[in-house]
Amino acid sequence: MLKGIIFDVDETLVYYEGYDHRGWYENWVMPALRKHSIELDYGTYKKTVTGELPRSYIERFGINHVEFWRIVDKVNLEYRKRMAELGRIKPFPDVDALGELRKMGLKLAAVSNASQDCTEFVLNLFDLRKYFDVVYGKDYSNLDGVKPNPYLVEKALRALSLKPEGALMVGDSAHDVLAGHRAGMRVANVTRLGKVDGADYYVKDLWELVELVKKLR
């Protein structure tokens, strides 16, 4: 029986108008890195984010990799605050469905590859934090534990005392599908931004997810 759901956050619950990953890195992150005498091109950075290279790869540039990611995440939080001021962070119109899932007695978690501070910021921005029993952003003690690694998902399962077969992973990306499956869970792909291969279920929005959950229960 389905007892809980683990949600991705960015592009699943909220989105960023006009967001461009390369533009964000070059205009926001690179200037901050240069203050610490770090030169890192976008291509190499992207490989560390996608998992093609480990996050510790940064150490060959002469900086502790945990400190490097703390710099990046601090900039990311500043960026999100600025985008919020400009009204460019938006909740998807169907996020009210989270309340319906809570009424059904389900345990809910939010798991993001962004930092804990960044994740909590966007959830609090739209009063979404109240729906979740636990929220986990990236863990500085295991920086390679971000999705598609199942580490954060498994951490949420343990916190909610859920078995993988009794929980559903919900997200928009291939990383969400892989992380959920590697944790032994079924995965629902929210297809607003396109369909991802390999998911167990496909829903167009969170209200359709509510209907899916009713069938699964």
N, C-alpha and C. Protein backbone atom coordinates (compact mmCIF):
# COMPACT_ATOMS: atom_id res chain seq x y z
N MET A 1 0.84 -1.21 0.00
CA MET A 1 0.00 0.00 0.00
C MET A 1 0.87 1.25 0.00
N LEU A 2 0.49 2.23 -0.77
CA LEU A 2 1.24 3.48 -0.85
C LEU A 2 1.04 4.30 0.42
N LYS A 3 2.15 4.62 1.08
CA LYS A 3 2.08 5.36 2.34
C LYS A 3 2.78 6.71 2.29
N GLY A 4 3.61 6.92 1.27
CA GLY A 4 4.33 8.19 1.21
C GLY A 4 4.81 8.55 -0.18
N ILE A 5 5.11 9.82 -0.37
CA ILE A 5 5.60 10.32 -1.66
C ILE A 5 6.81 11.21 -1.41
N ILE A 6 7.83 11.03 -2.23
CA ILE A 6 9.01 11.88 -2.19
C ILE A 6 9.05 12.73 -3.46
N PHE A 7 9.04 14.04 -3.29
CA PHE A 7 8.99 14.97 -4.41
C PHE A 7 10.34 15.62 -4.68
N ASP A 8 10.64 15.77 -5.95
CA ASP A 8 11.65 16.73 -6.38
C ASP A 8 11.03 18.13 -6.19
N VAL A 9 11.85 19.18 -6.23
CA VAL A 9 11.34 20.54 -6.00
C VAL A 9 11.38 21.40 -7.27
N ASP A 10 12.57 21.74 -7.75
CA ASP A 10 12.70 22.64 -8.90
C ASP A 10 12.20 21.97 -10.17
N GLU A 11 11.34 22.66 -10.90
CA GLU A 11 10.70 22.20 -12.13
C GLU A 11 9.66 21.10 -11.88
N THR A 12 9.45 20.74 -10.61
CA THR A 12 8.36 19.84 -10.26
C THR A 12 7.29 20.58 -9.48
N LEU A 13 7.72 21.41 -8.52
CA LEU A 13 6.79 22.21 -7.73
C LEU A 13 6.86 23.69 -8.08
N VAL A 14 8.06 24.16 -8.40
CA VAL A 14 8.26 25.57 -8.77
C VAL A 14 9.13 25.65 -10.02
N TYR A 15 9.07 26.80 -10.70
CA TYR A 15 9.91 27.00 -11.87
C TYR A 15 10.45 28.42 -11.89
N TYR A 16 11.43 28.65 -12.75
CA TYR A 16 12.17 29.92 -12.79
C TYR A 16 12.04 30.51 -14.19
N GLU A 17 11.34 31.63 -14.30
CA GLU A 17 11.14 32.26 -15.61
C GLU A 17 12.46 32.75 -16.18
N GLY A 18 12.74 32.38 -17.41
CA GLY A 18 13.93 32.86 -18.10
C GLY A 18 15.24 32.26 -17.62
N TYR A 19 15.16 31.17 -16.85
CA TYR A 19 16.40 30.59 -16.29
C TYR A 19 17.24 29.96 -17.39
N ASP A 20 18.50 30.28 -17.38
CA ASP A 20 19.47 29.68 -18.30
C ASP A 20 20.68 29.24 -17.47
N HIS A 21 20.95 27.95 -17.45
CA HIS A 21 21.98 27.40 -16.56
C HIS A 21 23.35 28.01 -16.84
N ARG A 22 23.72 28.08 -18.10
CA ARG A 22 25.03 28.64 -18.44
C ARG A 22 25.11 30.12 -18.06
N GLY A 23 24.04 30.87 -18.36
CA GLY A 23 24.01 32.28 -18.02
C GLY A 23 24.11 32.50 -16.53
N TRP A 24 23.41 31.67 -15.75
CA TRP A 24 23.49 31.74 -14.29
C TRP A 24 24.93 31.51 -13.83
N TYR A 25 25.56 30.49 -14.36
CA TYR A 25 26.92 30.16 -13.94
C TYR A 25 27.91 31.29 -14.29
N GLU A 26 27.84 31.75 -15.53
CA GLU A 26 28.83 32.74 -15.99
C GLU A 26 28.60 34.13 -15.39
N ASN A 27 27.33 34.47 -15.14
CA ASN A 27 27.04 35.82 -14.63
C ASN A 27 26.99 35.92 -13.11
N TRP A 28 26.73 34.81 -12.45
CA TRP A 28 26.60 34.82 -11.00
C TRP A 28 27.73 34.06 -10.30
N VAL A 29 28.00 32.85 -10.76
CA VAL A 29 28.95 32.00 -10.03
C VAL A 29 30.40 32.37 -10.34
N MET A 30 30.74 32.52 -11.61
CA MET A 30 32.13 32.79 -11.97
C MET A 30 32.71 34.02 -11.28
N PRO A 31 31.98 35.16 -11.21
CA PRO A 31 32.54 36.31 -10.48
C PRO A 31 32.85 36.00 -9.02
N ALA A 32 32.00 35.20 -8.38
CA ALA A 32 32.24 34.83 -6.97
C ALA A 32 33.46 33.93 -6.85
N LEU A 33 33.63 33.01 -7.81
CA LEU A 33 34.79 32.11 -7.78
C LEU A 33 36.09 32.89 -8.00
N ARG A 34 36.02 33.89 -8.86
CA ARG A 34 37.23 34.68 -9.15
C ARG A 34 37.70 35.46 -7.93
N LYS A 35 36.77 35.80 -7.05
CA LYS A 35 37.16 36.46 -5.79
C LYS A 35 38.01 35.53 -4.93
N HIS A 36 37.88 34.22 -5.18
CA HIS A 36 38.69 33.23 -4.47
C HIS A 36 39.80 32.69 -5.37
N SER A 37 40.08 33.43 -6.45
CA SER A 37 41.14 33.07 -7.40
C SER A 37 40.92 31.71 -8.04
N ILE A 38 39.65 31.38 -8.30
CA ILE A 38 39.31 30.11 -8.95
C ILE A 38 38.79 30.40 -10.35
N GLU A 39 39.39 29.76 -11.34
CA GLU A 39 38.91 29.85 -12.72
C GLU A 39 38.41 28.47 -13.13
N LEU A 40 37.14 28.36 -13.38
CA LEU A 40 36.56 27.07 -13.76
C LEU A 40 35.55 27.31 -14.87
N ASP A 41 35.80 26.71 -16.04
CA ASP A 41 34.92 26.93 -17.19
C ASP A 41 33.58 26.22 -16.99
N TYR A 42 32.59 26.69 -17.72
CA TYR A 42 31.24 26.15 -17.57
C TYR A 42 31.17 24.67 -17.91
N GLY A 43 31.87 24.25 -18.97
CA GLY A 43 31.82 22.85 -19.39
C GLY A 43 32.25 21.90 -18.30
N THR A 44 33.34 22.24 -17.62
CA THR A 44 33.83 21.38 -16.54
C THR A 44 32.85 21.40 -15.36
N TYR A 45 32.36 22.59 -15.03
CA TYR A 45 31.39 22.69 -13.94
C TYR A 45 30.16 21.83 -14.23
N LYS A 46 29.65 21.91 -15.45
CA LYS A 46 28.45 21.15 -15.80
C LYS A 46 28.66 19.65 -15.64
N LYS A 47 29.86 19.18 -15.97
CA LYS A 47 30.16 17.75 -15.84
C LYS A 47 30.11 17.31 -14.38
N THR A 48 30.50 18.20 -13.46
CA THR A 48 30.43 17.84 -12.04
C THR A 48 28.98 17.82 -11.55
N VAL A 49 28.12 18.64 -12.16
CA VAL A 49 26.71 18.69 -11.77
C VAL A 49 25.96 17.48 -12.30
N THR A 50 26.27 17.06 -13.52
CA THR A 50 25.56 15.92 -14.12
C THR A 50 26.09 14.59 -13.61
N GLY A 51 27.21 14.60 -12.89
CA GLY A 51 27.76 13.36 -12.36
C GLY A 51 28.78 12.72 -13.27
N GLU A 52 29.07 13.38 -14.40
CA GLU A 52 30.09 12.85 -15.30
C GLU A 52 31.46 12.90 -14.62
N LEU A 53 31.64 13.91 -13.78
CA LEU A 53 32.83 14.02 -12.94
C LEU A 53 32.38 14.11 -11.48
N PRO A 54 33.16 13.56 -10.54
CA PRO A 54 32.79 13.68 -9.13
C PRO A 54 32.92 15.12 -8.66
N ARG A 55 32.18 15.51 -7.66
CA ARG A 55 32.26 16.87 -7.15
C ARG A 55 33.63 17.18 -6.55
N SER A 56 34.32 16.15 -6.12
CA SER A 56 35.66 16.34 -5.57
C SER A 56 36.69 16.67 -6.66
N TYR A 57 36.32 16.54 -7.92
CA TYR A 57 37.21 16.86 -9.04
C TYR A 57 37.73 18.29 -8.93
N ILE A 58 36.93 19.14 -8.29
CA ILE A 58 37.28 20.56 -8.13
C ILE A 58 38.60 20.75 -7.40
N GLU A 59 39.00 19.77 -6.60
CA GLU A 59 40.20 19.92 -5.76
C GLU A 59 41.46 20.10 -6.60
N ARG A 60 41.44 19.65 -7.85
CA ARG A 60 42.63 19.83 -8.69
C ARG A 60 42.85 21.30 -9.06
N PHE A 61 41.84 22.14 -8.74
CA PHE A 61 41.97 23.58 -8.98
C PHE A 61 42.43 24.31 -7.73
N GLY A 62 42.81 23.54 -6.71
CA GLY A 62 43.44 24.13 -5.54
C GLY A 62 42.51 24.61 -4.45
N ILE A 63 41.29 24.04 -4.38
CA ILE A 63 40.36 24.43 -3.32
C ILE A 63 39.67 23.19 -2.78
N ASN A 64 39.44 23.18 -1.49
CA ASN A 64 38.66 22.12 -0.87
C ASN A 64 37.29 22.04 -1.53
N HIS A 65 36.88 20.85 -1.93
CA HIS A 65 35.66 20.77 -2.73
C HIS A 65 34.40 21.12 -1.93
N VAL A 66 34.41 20.88 -0.63
CA VAL A 66 33.26 21.26 0.19
C VAL A 66 33.13 22.78 0.22
N GLU A 67 34.26 23.47 0.38
CA GLU A 67 34.24 24.92 0.39
C GLU A 67 33.80 25.48 -0.96
N PHE A 68 34.24 24.82 -2.03
CA PHE A 68 33.83 25.24 -3.37
C PHE A 68 32.31 25.21 -3.50
N TRP A 69 31.70 24.10 -3.09
CA TRP A 69 30.25 23.96 -3.25
C TRP A 69 29.50 24.88 -2.30
N ARG A 70 30.10 25.21 -1.18
CA ARG A 70 29.47 26.19 -0.29
C ARG A 70 29.44 27.58 -0.96
N ILE A 71 30.50 27.92 -1.68
CA ILE A 71 30.53 29.19 -2.41
C ILE A 71 29.43 29.20 -3.48
N VAL A 72 29.36 28.12 -4.26
CA VAL A 72 28.35 28.02 -5.32
C VAL A 72 26.94 28.13 -4.73
N ASP A 73 26.70 27.43 -3.63
CA ASP A 73 25.37 27.42 -3.04
C ASP A 73 24.99 28.76 -2.41
N LYS A 74 25.98 29.46 -1.88
CA LYS A 74 25.72 30.79 -1.35
C LYS A 74 25.28 31.73 -2.48
N VAL A 75 25.96 31.64 -3.62
CA VAL A 75 25.60 32.44 -4.78
C VAL A 75 24.20 32.05 -5.27
N ASN A 76 23.92 30.75 -5.27
CA ASN A 76 22.62 30.27 -5.73
C ASN A 76 21.49 30.82 -4.87
N LEU A 77 21.73 30.91 -3.58
CA LEU A 77 20.72 31.47 -2.69
C LEU A 77 20.51 32.96 -2.98
N GLU A 78 21.60 33.69 -3.20
CA GLU A 78 21.51 35.10 -3.56
C GLU A 78 20.72 35.27 -4.86
N TYR A 79 21.02 34.39 -5.83
CA TYR A 79 20.32 34.43 -7.11
C TYR A 79 18.83 34.19 -6.91
N ARG A 80 18.47 33.21 -6.12
CA ARG A 80 17.05 32.89 -5.90
C ARG A 80 16.33 34.05 -5.20
N LYS A 81 17.01 34.67 -4.26
CA LYS A 81 16.39 35.82 -3.59
C LYS A 81 16.14 36.95 -4.57
N ARG A 82 17.09 37.17 -5.47
CA ARG A 82 16.93 38.22 -6.47
C ARG A 82 15.80 37.89 -7.44
N MET A 83 15.74 36.64 -7.89
CA MET A 83 14.68 36.22 -8.80
C MET A 83 13.31 36.32 -8.12
N ALA A 84 13.28 36.04 -6.83
CA ALA A 84 12.02 36.16 -6.08
C ALA A 84 11.58 37.61 -6.02
N GLU A 85 12.53 38.53 -5.81
CA GLU A 85 12.21 39.97 -5.78
C GLU A 85 11.64 40.43 -7.12
N LEU A 86 12.13 39.83 -8.20
CA LEU A 86 11.69 40.19 -9.54
C LEU A 86 10.42 39.44 -9.96
N GLY A 87 9.94 38.56 -9.09
CA GLY A 87 8.75 37.79 -9.40
C GLY A 87 8.97 36.72 -10.45
N ARG A 88 10.20 36.23 -10.56
CA ARG A 88 10.52 35.27 -11.62
C ARG A 88 10.61 33.82 -11.13
N ILE A 89 10.37 33.61 -9.84
CA ILE A 89 10.17 32.24 -9.35
C ILE A 89 8.67 32.06 -9.19
N LYS A 90 8.15 30.99 -9.74
CA LYS A 90 6.70 30.77 -9.73
C LYS A 90 6.38 29.36 -9.25
N PRO A 91 5.30 29.21 -8.50
CA PRO A 91 4.83 27.86 -8.21
C PRO A 91 3.98 27.38 -9.38
N PHE A 92 4.02 26.11 -9.69
CA PHE A 92 3.09 25.60 -10.69
C PHE A 92 1.67 25.73 -10.13
N PRO A 93 0.70 26.01 -10.98
CA PRO A 93 -0.66 26.29 -10.50
C PRO A 93 -1.34 25.12 -9.81
N ASP A 94 -0.78 23.92 -9.95
CA ASP A 94 -1.41 22.74 -9.35
C ASP A 94 -0.79 22.33 -8.01
N VAL A 95 0.09 23.16 -7.42
CA VAL A 95 0.73 22.75 -6.16
C VAL A 95 -0.25 22.60 -5.01
N ASP A 96 -1.45 23.17 -5.15
CA ASP A 96 -2.47 22.98 -4.11
C ASP A 96 -2.82 21.51 -3.93
N ALA A 97 -2.49 20.71 -4.93
CA ALA A 97 -2.75 19.27 -4.83
C ALA A 97 -1.97 18.63 -3.69
N LEU A 98 -0.90 19.28 -3.25
CA LEU A 98 -0.15 18.76 -2.10
C LEU A 98 -1.05 18.68 -0.87
N GLY A 99 -1.93 19.66 -0.71
CA GLY A 99 -2.86 19.64 0.42
C GLY A 99 -3.79 18.45 0.36
N GLU A 100 -4.23 18.10 -0.83
CA GLU A 100 -5.12 16.95 -1.01
C GLU A 100 -4.39 15.66 -0.64
N LEU A 101 -3.11 15.57 -1.02
CA LEU A 101 -2.32 14.38 -0.68
C LEU A 101 -2.12 14.26 0.83
N ARG A 102 -1.96 15.39 1.49
CA ARG A 102 -1.85 15.38 2.96
C ARG A 102 -3.14 14.90 3.60
N LYS A 103 -4.26 15.35 3.06
CA LYS A 103 -5.56 14.93 3.60
C LYS A 103 -5.76 13.43 3.48
N MET A 104 -5.07 12.82 2.53
CA MET A 104 -5.18 11.38 2.32
C MET A 104 -4.33 10.60 3.32
N GLY A 105 -3.60 11.34 4.18
CA GLY A 105 -2.81 10.69 5.21
C GLY A 105 -1.44 10.22 4.77
N LEU A 106 -1.00 10.70 3.63
CA LEU A 106 0.31 10.30 3.12
C LEU A 106 1.43 11.08 3.80
N LYS A 107 2.56 10.44 3.99
CA LYS A 107 3.76 11.12 4.43
C LYS A 107 4.43 11.72 3.20
N LEU A 108 4.88 12.97 3.32
CA LEU A 108 5.48 13.65 2.17
C LEU A 108 6.88 14.16 2.50
N ALA A 109 7.78 14.01 1.54
CA ALA A 109 9.14 14.54 1.66
C ALA A 109 9.47 15.31 0.40
N ALA A 110 10.36 16.29 0.52
CA ALA A 110 10.90 17.01 -0.63
C ALA A 110 12.41 16.81 -0.63
N VAL A 111 12.94 16.46 -1.79
CA VAL A 111 14.38 16.17 -1.91
C VAL A 111 14.92 16.91 -3.13
N SER A 112 15.99 17.68 -2.92
CA SER A 112 16.53 18.50 -4.01
C SER A 112 18.05 18.40 -4.06
N ASN A 113 18.60 18.54 -5.27
CA ASN A 113 20.04 18.62 -5.43
C ASN A 113 20.59 19.99 -5.06
N ALA A 114 19.70 20.97 -4.92
CA ALA A 114 20.12 22.29 -4.44
C ALA A 114 20.45 22.20 -2.95
N SER A 115 21.05 23.23 -2.40
CA SER A 115 21.39 23.21 -0.98
C SER A 115 20.14 23.22 -0.11
N GLN A 116 20.33 22.88 1.16
CA GLN A 116 19.21 22.92 2.10
C GLN A 116 18.61 24.32 2.17
N ASP A 117 19.47 25.33 2.23
CA ASP A 117 18.99 26.71 2.33
C ASP A 117 18.20 27.12 1.08
N CYS A 118 18.71 26.76 -0.10
CA CYS A 118 18.01 27.10 -1.35
C CYS A 118 16.67 26.40 -1.44
N THR A 119 16.64 25.14 -1.02
CA THR A 119 15.41 24.35 -1.10
C THR A 119 14.37 24.90 -0.14
N GLU A 120 14.78 25.15 1.10
CA GLU A 120 13.84 25.69 2.09
C GLU A 120 13.35 27.08 1.66
N PHE A 121 14.23 27.86 1.04
CA PHE A 121 13.85 29.21 0.63
C PHE A 121 12.68 29.18 -0.35
N VAL A 122 12.79 28.36 -1.41
CA VAL A 122 11.71 28.38 -2.41
C VAL A 122 10.43 27.74 -1.88
N LEU A 123 10.55 26.76 -1.00
CA LEU A 123 9.34 26.17 -0.41
C LEU A 123 8.64 27.17 0.50
N ASN A 124 9.42 27.88 1.31
CA ASN A 124 8.84 28.89 2.21
C ASN A 124 8.28 30.08 1.44
N LEU A 125 8.86 30.37 0.29
CA LEU A 125 8.44 31.50 -0.53
C LEU A 125 6.96 31.39 -0.90
N PHE A 126 6.51 30.16 -1.10
CA PHE A 126 5.12 29.94 -1.51
C PHE A 126 4.32 29.14 -0.48
N ASP A 127 4.83 29.14 0.77
CA ASP A 127 4.15 28.46 1.87
C ASP A 127 3.92 26.97 1.57
N LEU A 128 4.88 26.35 0.92
CA LEU A 128 4.78 24.93 0.60
C LEU A 128 5.46 24.04 1.64
N ARG A 129 6.32 24.64 2.46
CA ARG A 129 7.06 23.83 3.44
C ARG A 129 6.13 23.09 4.39
N LYS A 130 4.96 23.67 4.66
CA LYS A 130 4.02 23.08 5.62
C LYS A 130 3.50 21.71 5.18
N TYR A 131 3.60 21.41 3.90
CA TYR A 131 3.08 20.13 3.41
C TYR A 131 4.03 18.96 3.66
N PHE A 132 5.30 19.26 3.97
CA PHE A 132 6.31 18.20 4.00
C PHE A 132 6.76 17.85 5.42
N ASP A 133 6.84 16.55 5.65
CA ASP A 133 7.34 16.06 6.94
C ASP A 133 8.85 16.30 7.04
N VAL A 134 9.55 16.08 5.95
CA VAL A 134 11.00 16.32 5.91
C VAL A 134 11.38 16.95 4.58
N VAL A 135 12.43 17.75 4.60
CA VAL A 135 12.99 18.37 3.39
C VAL A 135 14.50 18.16 3.43
N TYR A 136 15.06 17.64 2.34
CA TYR A 136 16.50 17.43 2.28
C TYR A 136 17.08 18.05 1.01
N GLY A 137 18.06 18.94 1.20
CA GLY A 137 18.89 19.42 0.11
C GLY A 137 20.19 18.65 0.13
N LYS A 138 21.13 19.07 -0.70
CA LYS A 138 22.40 18.34 -0.78
C LYS A 138 23.08 18.28 0.58
N ASP A 139 23.77 17.21 0.80
CA ASP A 139 24.42 16.92 2.08
C ASP A 139 25.93 17.14 1.89
N TYR A 140 26.49 18.11 2.61
CA TYR A 140 27.91 18.42 2.43
C TYR A 140 28.83 17.29 2.91
N SER A 141 28.29 16.36 3.67
CA SER A 141 29.11 15.22 4.10
C SER A 141 29.17 14.14 3.02
N ASN A 142 28.30 14.29 1.99
CA ASN A 142 28.30 13.33 0.88
C ASN A 142 27.83 14.06 -0.37
N LEU A 143 28.70 14.88 -0.93
CA LEU A 143 28.32 15.75 -2.03
C LEU A 143 27.99 14.99 -3.31
N ASP A 144 28.52 13.78 -3.45
CA ASP A 144 28.18 12.97 -4.61
C ASP A 144 26.90 12.17 -4.38
N GLY A 145 26.24 12.42 -3.24
CA GLY A 145 25.01 11.72 -2.92
C GLY A 145 23.76 12.36 -3.48
N VAL A 146 23.93 13.36 -4.36
CA VAL A 146 22.77 13.99 -5.00
C VAL A 146 22.23 13.08 -6.10
N LYS A 147 20.96 13.30 -6.46
CA LYS A 147 20.37 12.51 -7.54
C LYS A 147 21.19 12.67 -8.82
N PRO A 148 21.43 11.59 -9.59
CA PRO A 148 20.75 10.29 -9.59
C PRO A 148 21.19 9.28 -8.54
N ASN A 149 22.17 9.63 -7.70
CA ASN A 149 22.50 8.78 -6.57
C ASN A 149 21.26 8.70 -5.66
N PRO A 150 20.94 7.53 -5.12
CA PRO A 150 19.74 7.40 -4.29
C PRO A 150 19.90 7.86 -2.85
N TYR A 151 21.08 8.37 -2.49
CA TYR A 151 21.39 8.69 -1.09
C TYR A 151 20.34 9.58 -0.42
N LEU A 152 19.99 10.71 -1.04
CA LEU A 152 19.04 11.63 -0.42
C LEU A 152 17.64 11.03 -0.36
N VAL A 153 17.28 10.29 -1.38
CA VAL A 153 15.97 9.63 -1.40
C VAL A 153 15.89 8.59 -0.29
N GLU A 154 16.94 7.82 -0.13
CA GLU A 154 16.97 6.81 0.93
C GLU A 154 16.98 7.46 2.31
N LYS A 155 17.61 8.60 2.42
CA LYS A 155 17.62 9.36 3.67
C LYS A 155 16.19 9.78 4.03
N ALA A 156 15.43 10.21 3.03
CA ALA A 156 14.03 10.59 3.26
C ALA A 156 13.18 9.38 3.63
N LEU A 157 13.41 8.26 2.97
CA LEU A 157 12.66 7.04 3.31
C LEU A 157 12.88 6.66 4.77
N ARG A 158 14.13 6.71 5.20
CA ARG A 158 14.44 6.36 6.59
C ARG A 158 13.75 7.33 7.55
N ALA A 159 13.82 8.62 7.24
CA ALA A 159 13.24 9.64 8.13
C ALA A 159 11.73 9.46 8.27
N LEU A 160 11.09 8.98 7.22
CA LEU A 160 9.64 8.79 7.24
C LEU A 160 9.23 7.37 7.63
N SER A 161 10.24 6.53 7.93
CA SER A 161 9.98 5.11 8.27
C SER A 161 9.17 4.42 7.18
N LEU A 162 9.58 4.69 5.94
CA LEU A 162 8.90 4.09 4.79
C LEU A 162 9.78 3.04 4.13
N LYS A 163 9.16 1.98 3.65
CA LYS A 163 9.86 1.01 2.82
C LYS A 163 9.73 1.47 1.37
N PRO A 164 10.74 1.19 0.54
CA PRO A 164 10.70 1.66 -0.85
C PRO A 164 9.43 1.24 -1.59
N GLU A 165 8.97 0.04 -1.33
CA GLU A 165 7.79 -0.44 -2.04
C GLU A 165 6.51 0.26 -1.60
N GLY A 166 6.58 0.97 -0.48
CA GLY A 166 5.41 1.69 0.02
C GLY A 166 5.46 3.18 -0.27
N ALA A 167 6.39 3.58 -1.16
CA ALA A 167 6.57 5.00 -1.45
C ALA A 167 6.69 5.22 -2.96
N LEU A 168 6.42 6.45 -3.37
CA LEU A 168 6.48 6.84 -4.77
C LEU A 168 7.39 8.05 -4.91
N MET A 169 8.28 8.02 -5.89
CA MET A 169 9.12 9.16 -6.21
C MET A 169 8.45 9.96 -7.31
N VAL A 170 8.41 11.29 -7.18
CA VAL A 170 7.77 12.15 -8.17
C VAL A 170 8.75 13.25 -8.59
N GLY A 171 8.99 13.36 -9.89
CA GLY A 171 9.92 14.38 -10.37
C GLY A 171 9.79 14.62 -11.85
N ASP A 172 10.60 15.55 -12.35
CA ASP A 172 10.52 15.95 -13.76
C ASP A 172 11.67 15.45 -14.60
N SER A 173 12.73 14.92 -13.97
CA SER A 173 13.97 14.66 -14.71
C SER A 173 14.38 13.19 -14.70
N ALA A 174 15.33 12.88 -15.58
CA ALA A 174 15.90 11.53 -15.62
C ALA A 174 16.62 11.22 -14.31
N HIS A 175 17.21 12.23 -13.67
CA HIS A 175 17.87 12.02 -12.39
C HIS A 175 16.88 11.56 -11.32
N ASP A 176 15.66 12.10 -11.37
CA ASP A 176 14.64 11.68 -10.41
C ASP A 176 14.24 10.23 -10.64
N VAL A 177 14.09 9.87 -11.91
CA VAL A 177 13.73 8.49 -12.25
C VAL A 177 14.81 7.52 -11.79
N LEU A 178 16.06 7.85 -12.08
CA LEU A 178 17.16 6.97 -11.70
C LEU A 178 17.31 6.85 -10.19
N ALA A 179 17.22 7.98 -9.49
CA ALA A 179 17.37 7.97 -8.03
C ALA A 179 16.26 7.14 -7.39
N GLY A 180 15.04 7.33 -7.86
CA GLY A 180 13.92 6.56 -7.31
C GLY A 180 14.08 5.07 -7.55
N HIS A 181 14.42 4.69 -8.76
CA HIS A 181 14.59 3.28 -9.07
C HIS A 181 15.77 2.66 -8.32
N ARG A 182 16.84 3.41 -8.19
CA ARG A 182 18.01 2.88 -7.45
C ARG A 182 17.71 2.71 -5.97
N ALA A 183 16.70 3.45 -5.48
CA ALA A 183 16.27 3.29 -4.09
C ALA A 183 15.20 2.21 -3.96
N GLY A 184 14.83 1.60 -5.09
CA GLY A 184 13.84 0.52 -5.06
C GLY A 184 12.40 0.99 -5.12
N MET A 185 12.18 2.24 -5.55
CA MET A 185 10.84 2.82 -5.58
C MET A 185 10.26 2.84 -6.99
N ARG A 186 8.95 2.97 -7.05
CA ARG A 186 8.29 3.31 -8.30
C ARG A 186 8.39 4.83 -8.49
N VAL A 187 8.36 5.26 -9.76
CA VAL A 187 8.56 6.68 -10.05
C VAL A 187 7.47 7.19 -10.98
N ALA A 188 6.93 8.36 -10.63
CA ALA A 188 5.99 9.07 -11.50
C ALA A 188 6.68 10.29 -12.08
N ASN A 189 6.67 10.39 -13.38
CA ASN A 189 7.27 11.54 -14.07
C ASN A 189 6.18 12.58 -14.38
N VAL A 190 6.38 13.80 -13.90
CA VAL A 190 5.48 14.91 -14.22
C VAL A 190 5.96 15.48 -15.55
N THR A 191 5.10 15.43 -16.56
CA THR A 191 5.54 15.67 -17.94
C THR A 191 5.34 17.09 -18.44
N ARG A 192 5.19 18.07 -17.55
CA ARG A 192 5.00 19.46 -18.00
C ARG A 192 6.11 19.91 -18.94
N LEU A 193 7.34 19.53 -18.62
CA LEU A 193 8.50 19.98 -19.39
C LEU A 193 9.00 18.91 -20.36
N GLY A 194 8.23 17.85 -20.52
CA GLY A 194 8.65 16.76 -21.41
C GLY A 194 8.70 15.43 -20.70
N LYS A 195 8.52 14.39 -21.47
CA LYS A 195 8.47 13.03 -20.93
C LYS A 195 9.87 12.45 -20.79
N VAL A 196 10.13 11.79 -19.67
CA VAL A 196 11.42 11.17 -19.41
C VAL A 196 11.26 9.65 -19.50
N ASP A 197 12.11 9.01 -20.26
CA ASP A 197 12.04 7.56 -20.41
C ASP A 197 12.31 6.85 -19.09
N GLY A 198 11.63 5.73 -18.91
CA GLY A 198 11.95 4.84 -17.79
C GLY A 198 11.08 4.97 -16.57
N ALA A 199 10.21 5.96 -16.51
CA ALA A 199 9.33 6.11 -15.34
C ALA A 199 8.26 5.02 -15.36
N ASP A 200 7.71 4.74 -14.19
CA ASP A 200 6.64 3.75 -14.08
C ASP A 200 5.29 4.34 -14.43
N TYR A 201 5.13 5.63 -14.15
CA TYR A 201 3.87 6.32 -14.41
C TYR A 201 4.17 7.71 -14.97
N TYR A 202 3.21 8.23 -15.73
CA TYR A 202 3.33 9.57 -16.28
C TYR A 202 2.07 10.36 -15.95
N VAL A 203 2.27 11.57 -15.42
CA VAL A 203 1.14 12.45 -15.09
C VAL A 203 1.43 13.83 -15.65
N LYS A 204 0.39 14.51 -16.11
CA LYS A 204 0.61 15.83 -16.71
C LYS A 204 0.77 16.91 -15.66
N ASP A 205 0.20 16.67 -14.44
CA ASP A 205 0.32 17.66 -13.37
C ASP A 205 0.03 16.96 -12.03
N LEU A 206 0.03 17.72 -10.95
CA LEU A 206 -0.13 17.12 -9.62
C LEU A 206 -1.56 16.69 -9.34
N TRP A 207 -2.53 17.28 -10.00
CA TRP A 207 -3.91 16.81 -9.83
C TRP A 207 -4.09 15.44 -10.46
N GLU A 208 -3.40 15.21 -11.56
CA GLU A 208 -3.43 13.87 -12.17
C GLU A 208 -2.68 12.89 -11.27
N LEU A 209 -1.66 13.39 -10.58
CA LEU A 209 -0.95 12.55 -9.61
C LEU A 209 -1.90 12.11 -8.48
N VAL A 210 -2.74 13.02 -8.02
CA VAL A 210 -3.71 12.68 -6.97
C VAL A 210 -4.60 11.51 -7.43
N GLU A 211 -5.04 11.55 -8.68
CA GLU A 211 -5.88 10.47 -9.21
C GLU A 211 -5.10 9.17 -9.29
N LEU A 212 -3.82 9.27 -9.69
CA LEU A 212 -2.96 8.08 -9.74
C LEU A 212 -2.82 7.48 -8.35
N VAL A 213 -2.57 8.34 -7.36
CA VAL A 213 -2.40 7.86 -5.99
C VAL A 213 -3.65 7.14 -5.50
N LYS A 214 -4.82 7.66 -5.82
CA LYS A 214 -6.06 7.00 -5.42
C LYS A 214 -6.15 5.61 -5.98
N LYS A 215 -5.70 5.43 -7.23
CA LYS A 215 -5.70 4.10 -7.86
C LYS A 215 -4.68 3.18 -7.20
N LEU A 216 -3.51 3.73 -6.88
CA LEU A 216 -2.45 2.92 -6.28
C LEU A 216 -2.79 2.49 -4.85
N ARG A 217 -3.65 3.25 -4.20
CA ARG A 217 -4.02 2.92 -2.82
C ARG A 217 -5.18 1.95 -2.77
